Amino acid sequence: MELRELQTFIRAKDHRPELKHAYFLKLVEEVGELAEVLRKDRRLEPGGSIKGTVEEELCDVLYYVVALANIHEIDLEECFRLKEALNAEKYGKISRQ
């Protein structure tokens, strides 16, 4: 799934601009949960459950980042390209796009 497709998918199932503060608080909460599973090095094992793993929490963080971008009408693919160009200029690295 491409990033733009992910934005469209999340927008279709969960788009409540009036709750933008709540989405942000959920993002902060999920980052805290990610920190905990990273500290405990809880990883998804082959054939195991994703519950309580780094993989699960990264997905949760990504979900709320995308949901917030949607609320603020931000195209993350375009922003990523712009930021990569800025980083290439700032750090003298060639951006792979």
N, C-alpha and C. Protein backbone atom coordinates (compact mmCIF):
# COMPACT_ATOMS: atom_id res chain seq x y z
N MET A 1 0.85 -1.18 0.00
CA MET A 1 0.00 0.00 0.00
C MET A 1 0.89 1.24 0.00
N GLU A 2 0.60 2.15 -0.88
CA GLU A 2 1.34 3.41 -0.96
C GLU A 2 0.83 4.36 0.14
N LEU A 3 1.66 5.32 0.49
CA LEU A 3 1.29 6.25 1.56
C LEU A 3 0.00 7.00 1.23
N ARG A 4 -0.15 7.43 -0.01
CA ARG A 4 -1.38 8.14 -0.40
C ARG A 4 -2.60 7.22 -0.22
N GLU A 5 -2.44 5.95 -0.55
CA GLU A 5 -3.53 4.98 -0.38
C GLU A 5 -3.86 4.80 1.09
N LEU A 6 -2.82 4.78 1.92
CA LEU A 6 -3.04 4.65 3.37
C LEU A 6 -3.81 5.86 3.89
N GLN A 7 -3.46 7.04 3.42
CA GLN A 7 -4.20 8.24 3.84
C GLN A 7 -5.66 8.14 3.43
N THR A 8 -5.92 7.69 2.22
CA THR A 8 -7.30 7.55 1.74
C THR A 8 -8.05 6.51 2.57
N PHE A 9 -7.41 5.40 2.86
CA PHE A 9 -8.02 4.33 3.65
C PHE A 9 -8.41 4.82 5.04
N ILE A 10 -7.47 5.48 5.72
CA ILE A 10 -7.74 5.96 7.08
C ILE A 10 -8.79 7.07 7.07
N ARG A 11 -8.73 7.95 6.08
CA ARG A 11 -9.74 9.01 5.98
C ARG A 11 -11.15 8.42 5.84
N ALA A 12 -11.28 7.37 5.05
CA ALA A 12 -12.59 6.76 4.81
C ALA A 12 -13.16 6.11 6.07
N LYS A 13 -12.31 5.61 6.92
CA LYS A 13 -12.82 4.91 8.11
C LYS A 13 -12.79 5.75 9.38
N ASP A 14 -11.97 6.82 9.41
CA ASP A 14 -11.79 7.56 10.65
C ASP A 14 -11.34 8.98 10.34
N HIS A 15 -12.31 9.87 10.19
CA HIS A 15 -11.98 11.27 9.88
C HIS A 15 -12.93 12.16 10.67
N ARG A 16 -12.45 12.64 11.81
CA ARG A 16 -13.25 13.49 12.69
C ARG A 16 -12.46 14.74 13.04
N PRO A 17 -12.45 15.72 12.15
CA PRO A 17 -11.66 16.93 12.39
C PRO A 17 -11.95 17.62 13.73
N GLU A 18 -13.17 17.49 14.20
CA GLU A 18 -13.52 18.13 15.48
C GLU A 18 -12.79 17.49 16.66
N LEU A 19 -12.17 16.32 16.43
CA LEU A 19 -11.44 15.62 17.49
C LEU A 19 -9.92 15.70 17.30
N LYS A 20 -9.45 16.73 16.60
CA LYS A 20 -8.02 16.79 16.29
C LYS A 20 -7.14 16.78 17.54
N HIS A 21 -7.59 17.39 18.61
CA HIS A 21 -6.81 17.36 19.85
C HIS A 21 -6.75 15.94 20.41
N ALA A 22 -7.85 15.24 20.34
CA ALA A 22 -7.89 13.85 20.83
C ALA A 22 -6.98 12.95 19.99
N TYR A 23 -6.95 13.17 18.68
CA TYR A 23 -6.05 12.39 17.82
C TYR A 23 -4.59 12.65 18.24
N PHE A 24 -4.28 13.89 18.52
CA PHE A 24 -2.91 14.20 18.95
C PHE A 24 -2.58 13.51 20.27
N LEU A 25 -3.51 13.55 21.21
CA LEU A 25 -3.27 12.87 22.49
C LEU A 25 -3.10 11.37 22.30
N LYS A 26 -3.86 10.78 21.38
CA LYS A 26 -3.70 9.35 21.08
C LYS A 26 -2.32 9.09 20.49
N LEU A 27 -1.84 9.98 19.64
CA LEU A 27 -0.49 9.82 19.07
C LEU A 27 0.55 9.81 20.19
N VAL A 28 0.44 10.75 21.10
CA VAL A 28 1.38 10.82 22.22
C VAL A 28 1.32 9.55 23.05
N GLU A 29 0.11 9.07 23.30
CA GLU A 29 -0.07 7.82 24.06
C GLU A 29 0.60 6.65 23.35
N GLU A 30 0.40 6.57 22.04
CA GLU A 30 0.97 5.47 21.28
C GLU A 30 2.50 5.55 21.23
N VAL A 31 3.05 6.76 21.18
CA VAL A 31 4.50 6.91 21.22
C VAL A 31 5.03 6.41 22.57
N GLY A 32 4.31 6.67 23.64
CA GLY A 32 4.69 6.15 24.95
C GLY A 32 4.67 4.64 24.98
N GLU A 33 3.64 4.05 24.38
CA GLU A 33 3.56 2.58 24.32
C GLU A 33 4.68 2.01 23.45
N LEU A 34 5.03 2.72 22.38
CA LEU A 34 6.15 2.29 21.54
C LEU A 34 7.44 2.32 22.36
N ALA A 35 7.64 3.36 23.13
CA ALA A 35 8.85 3.45 23.96
C ALA A 35 8.94 2.25 24.91
N GLU A 36 7.82 1.87 25.48
CA GLU A 36 7.81 0.75 26.42
C GLU A 36 8.19 -0.57 25.75
N VAL A 37 7.59 -0.86 24.59
CA VAL A 37 7.90 -2.14 23.93
C VAL A 37 9.31 -2.13 23.34
N LEU A 38 9.81 -0.95 22.95
CA LEU A 38 11.20 -0.86 22.50
C LEU A 38 12.14 -1.16 23.66
N ARG A 39 11.84 -0.58 24.81
CA ARG A 39 12.68 -0.82 26.00
C ARG A 39 12.70 -2.30 26.36
N LYS A 40 11.56 -2.95 26.23
CA LYS A 40 11.46 -4.38 26.56
C LYS A 40 11.81 -5.28 25.38
N ASP A 41 12.09 -4.67 24.22
CA ASP A 41 12.44 -5.39 22.99
C ASP A 41 11.42 -6.48 22.66
N ARG A 42 10.16 -6.11 22.70
CA ARG A 42 9.08 -7.05 22.37
C ARG A 42 8.83 -7.00 20.87
N ARG A 43 9.23 -8.03 20.17
CA ARG A 43 9.13 -8.09 18.72
C ARG A 43 8.14 -9.17 18.30
N LEU A 44 7.62 -9.00 17.11
CA LEU A 44 6.71 -9.98 16.51
C LEU A 44 7.51 -11.22 16.14
N GLU A 45 7.10 -12.35 16.66
CA GLU A 45 7.73 -13.63 16.36
C GLU A 45 6.99 -14.29 15.20
N PRO A 46 7.69 -15.05 14.36
CA PRO A 46 7.01 -15.76 13.27
C PRO A 46 5.85 -16.60 13.81
N GLY A 47 4.68 -16.39 13.25
CA GLY A 47 3.49 -17.12 13.67
C GLY A 47 2.88 -16.62 14.97
N GLY A 48 3.47 -15.60 15.57
CA GLY A 48 2.97 -15.08 16.84
C GLY A 48 1.98 -13.95 16.65
N SER A 49 1.51 -13.44 17.76
CA SER A 49 0.56 -12.32 17.75
C SER A 49 1.32 -10.99 17.71
N ILE A 50 0.75 -10.05 17.00
CA ILE A 50 1.35 -8.71 16.92
C ILE A 50 1.11 -7.92 18.21
N LYS A 51 0.16 -8.37 19.02
CA LYS A 51 -0.23 -7.66 20.25
C LYS A 51 0.98 -7.44 21.16
N GLY A 52 1.15 -6.19 21.57
CA GLY A 52 2.19 -5.86 22.54
C GLY A 52 3.60 -5.85 21.96
N THR A 53 3.71 -5.64 20.65
CA THR A 53 5.03 -5.66 20.01
C THR A 53 5.41 -4.29 19.45
N VAL A 54 6.69 -4.15 19.13
CA VAL A 54 7.17 -2.94 18.47
C VAL A 54 6.38 -2.73 17.18
N GLU A 55 6.15 -3.81 16.44
CA GLU A 55 5.43 -3.72 15.18
C GLU A 55 4.03 -3.15 15.38
N GLU A 56 3.32 -3.61 16.40
CA GLU A 56 1.97 -3.10 16.67
C GLU A 56 2.00 -1.61 16.98
N GLU A 57 2.91 -1.22 17.85
CA GLU A 57 2.94 0.18 18.27
C GLU A 57 3.41 1.11 17.15
N LEU A 58 4.32 0.64 16.29
CA LEU A 58 4.70 1.45 15.14
C LEU A 58 3.50 1.67 14.22
N CYS A 59 2.69 0.64 14.05
CA CYS A 59 1.47 0.79 13.23
C CYS A 59 0.51 1.78 13.87
N ASP A 60 0.37 1.74 15.18
CA ASP A 60 -0.51 2.68 15.87
C ASP A 60 -0.01 4.11 15.71
N VAL A 61 1.30 4.32 15.85
CA VAL A 61 1.88 5.65 15.69
C VAL A 61 1.64 6.14 14.26
N LEU A 62 1.91 5.27 13.29
CA LEU A 62 1.69 5.64 11.89
C LEU A 62 0.23 6.01 11.66
N TYR A 63 -0.69 5.25 12.21
CA TYR A 63 -2.12 5.51 12.05
C TYR A 63 -2.47 6.93 12.49
N TYR A 64 -2.02 7.31 13.67
CA TYR A 64 -2.39 8.63 14.19
C TYR A 64 -1.63 9.76 13.49
N VAL A 65 -0.42 9.51 13.02
CA VAL A 65 0.28 10.51 12.21
C VAL A 65 -0.52 10.76 10.93
N VAL A 66 -0.95 9.69 10.29
CA VAL A 66 -1.73 9.81 9.05
C VAL A 66 -3.08 10.48 9.33
N ALA A 67 -3.74 10.08 10.42
CA ALA A 67 -5.04 10.68 10.76
C ALA A 67 -4.89 12.19 10.99
N LEU A 68 -3.83 12.60 11.66
CA LEU A 68 -3.61 14.03 11.87
C LEU A 68 -3.29 14.75 10.56
N ALA A 69 -2.53 14.12 9.71
CA ALA A 69 -2.25 14.72 8.40
C ALA A 69 -3.56 14.91 7.63
N ASN A 70 -4.42 13.92 7.69
CA ASN A 70 -5.72 14.03 7.01
C ASN A 70 -6.54 15.19 7.56
N ILE A 71 -6.58 15.31 8.86
CA ILE A 71 -7.36 16.38 9.49
C ILE A 71 -6.86 17.75 9.05
N HIS A 72 -5.54 17.85 8.88
CA HIS A 72 -4.94 19.12 8.48
C HIS A 72 -4.76 19.24 6.97
N GLU A 73 -5.35 18.28 6.24
CA GLU A 73 -5.31 18.26 4.77
C GLU A 73 -3.88 18.34 4.23
N ILE A 74 -3.03 17.48 4.78
CA ILE A 74 -1.63 17.41 4.39
C ILE A 74 -1.39 16.15 3.57
N ASP A 75 -0.79 16.31 2.41
CA ASP A 75 -0.40 15.20 1.57
C ASP A 75 0.99 14.76 2.03
N LEU A 76 1.05 13.64 2.74
CA LEU A 76 2.31 13.21 3.33
C LEU A 76 3.35 12.83 2.29
N GLU A 77 2.93 12.27 1.16
CA GLU A 77 3.89 11.94 0.11
C GLU A 77 4.59 13.20 -0.39
N GLU A 78 3.82 14.23 -0.66
CA GLU A 78 4.39 15.48 -1.15
C GLU A 78 5.28 16.12 -0.08
N CYS A 79 4.83 16.12 1.16
CA CYS A 79 5.63 16.68 2.25
C CYS A 79 6.94 15.92 2.43
N PHE A 80 6.89 14.61 2.26
CA PHE A 80 8.10 13.82 2.39
C PHE A 80 9.11 14.20 1.30
N ARG A 81 8.62 14.35 0.08
CA ARG A 81 9.51 14.76 -1.02
C ARG A 81 10.13 16.13 -0.73
N LEU A 82 9.32 17.06 -0.27
CA LEU A 82 9.82 18.40 0.05
C LEU A 82 10.85 18.36 1.17
N LYS A 83 10.58 17.57 2.18
CA LYS A 83 11.50 17.47 3.33
C LYS A 83 12.80 16.79 2.92
N GLU A 84 12.72 15.77 2.07
CA GLU A 84 13.93 15.11 1.59
C GLU A 84 14.80 16.08 0.79
N ALA A 85 14.16 16.91 -0.03
CA ALA A 85 14.91 17.91 -0.81
C ALA A 85 15.59 18.90 0.13
N LEU A 86 14.88 19.32 1.16
CA LEU A 86 15.44 20.24 2.15
C LEU A 86 16.63 19.59 2.86
N ASN A 87 16.47 18.34 3.26
CA ASN A 87 17.56 17.62 3.94
C ASN A 87 18.77 17.46 3.02
N ALA A 88 18.51 17.18 1.75
CA ALA A 88 19.61 17.02 0.79
C ALA A 88 20.39 18.32 0.68
N GLU A 89 19.67 19.43 0.65
CA GLU A 89 20.32 20.73 0.58
C GLU A 89 21.09 21.03 1.87
N LYS A 90 20.45 20.75 2.98
CA LYS A 90 21.04 21.06 4.28
C LYS A 90 22.26 20.19 4.60
N TYR A 91 22.16 18.90 4.30
CA TYR A 91 23.21 17.97 4.67
C TYR A 91 24.06 17.51 3.48
N GLY A 92 23.77 18.04 2.29
CA GLY A 92 24.57 17.71 1.12
C GLY A 92 24.43 16.28 0.64
N LYS A 93 23.28 15.68 0.91
CA LYS A 93 23.05 14.30 0.49
C LYS A 93 22.08 14.30 -0.68
N ILE A 94 22.26 13.34 -1.53
CA ILE A 94 21.36 13.18 -2.67
C ILE A 94 20.12 12.42 -2.22
N SER A 95 18.97 12.97 -2.52
CA SER A 95 17.69 12.36 -2.17
C SER A 95 17.34 11.29 -3.20
N ARG A 96 16.92 10.12 -2.74
CA ARG A 96 16.46 9.05 -3.64
C ARG A 96 14.96 9.09 -3.72
N GLN A 97 14.42 9.53 -4.85
CA GLN A 97 12.97 9.62 -4.98
C GLN A 97 12.48 8.75 -6.03
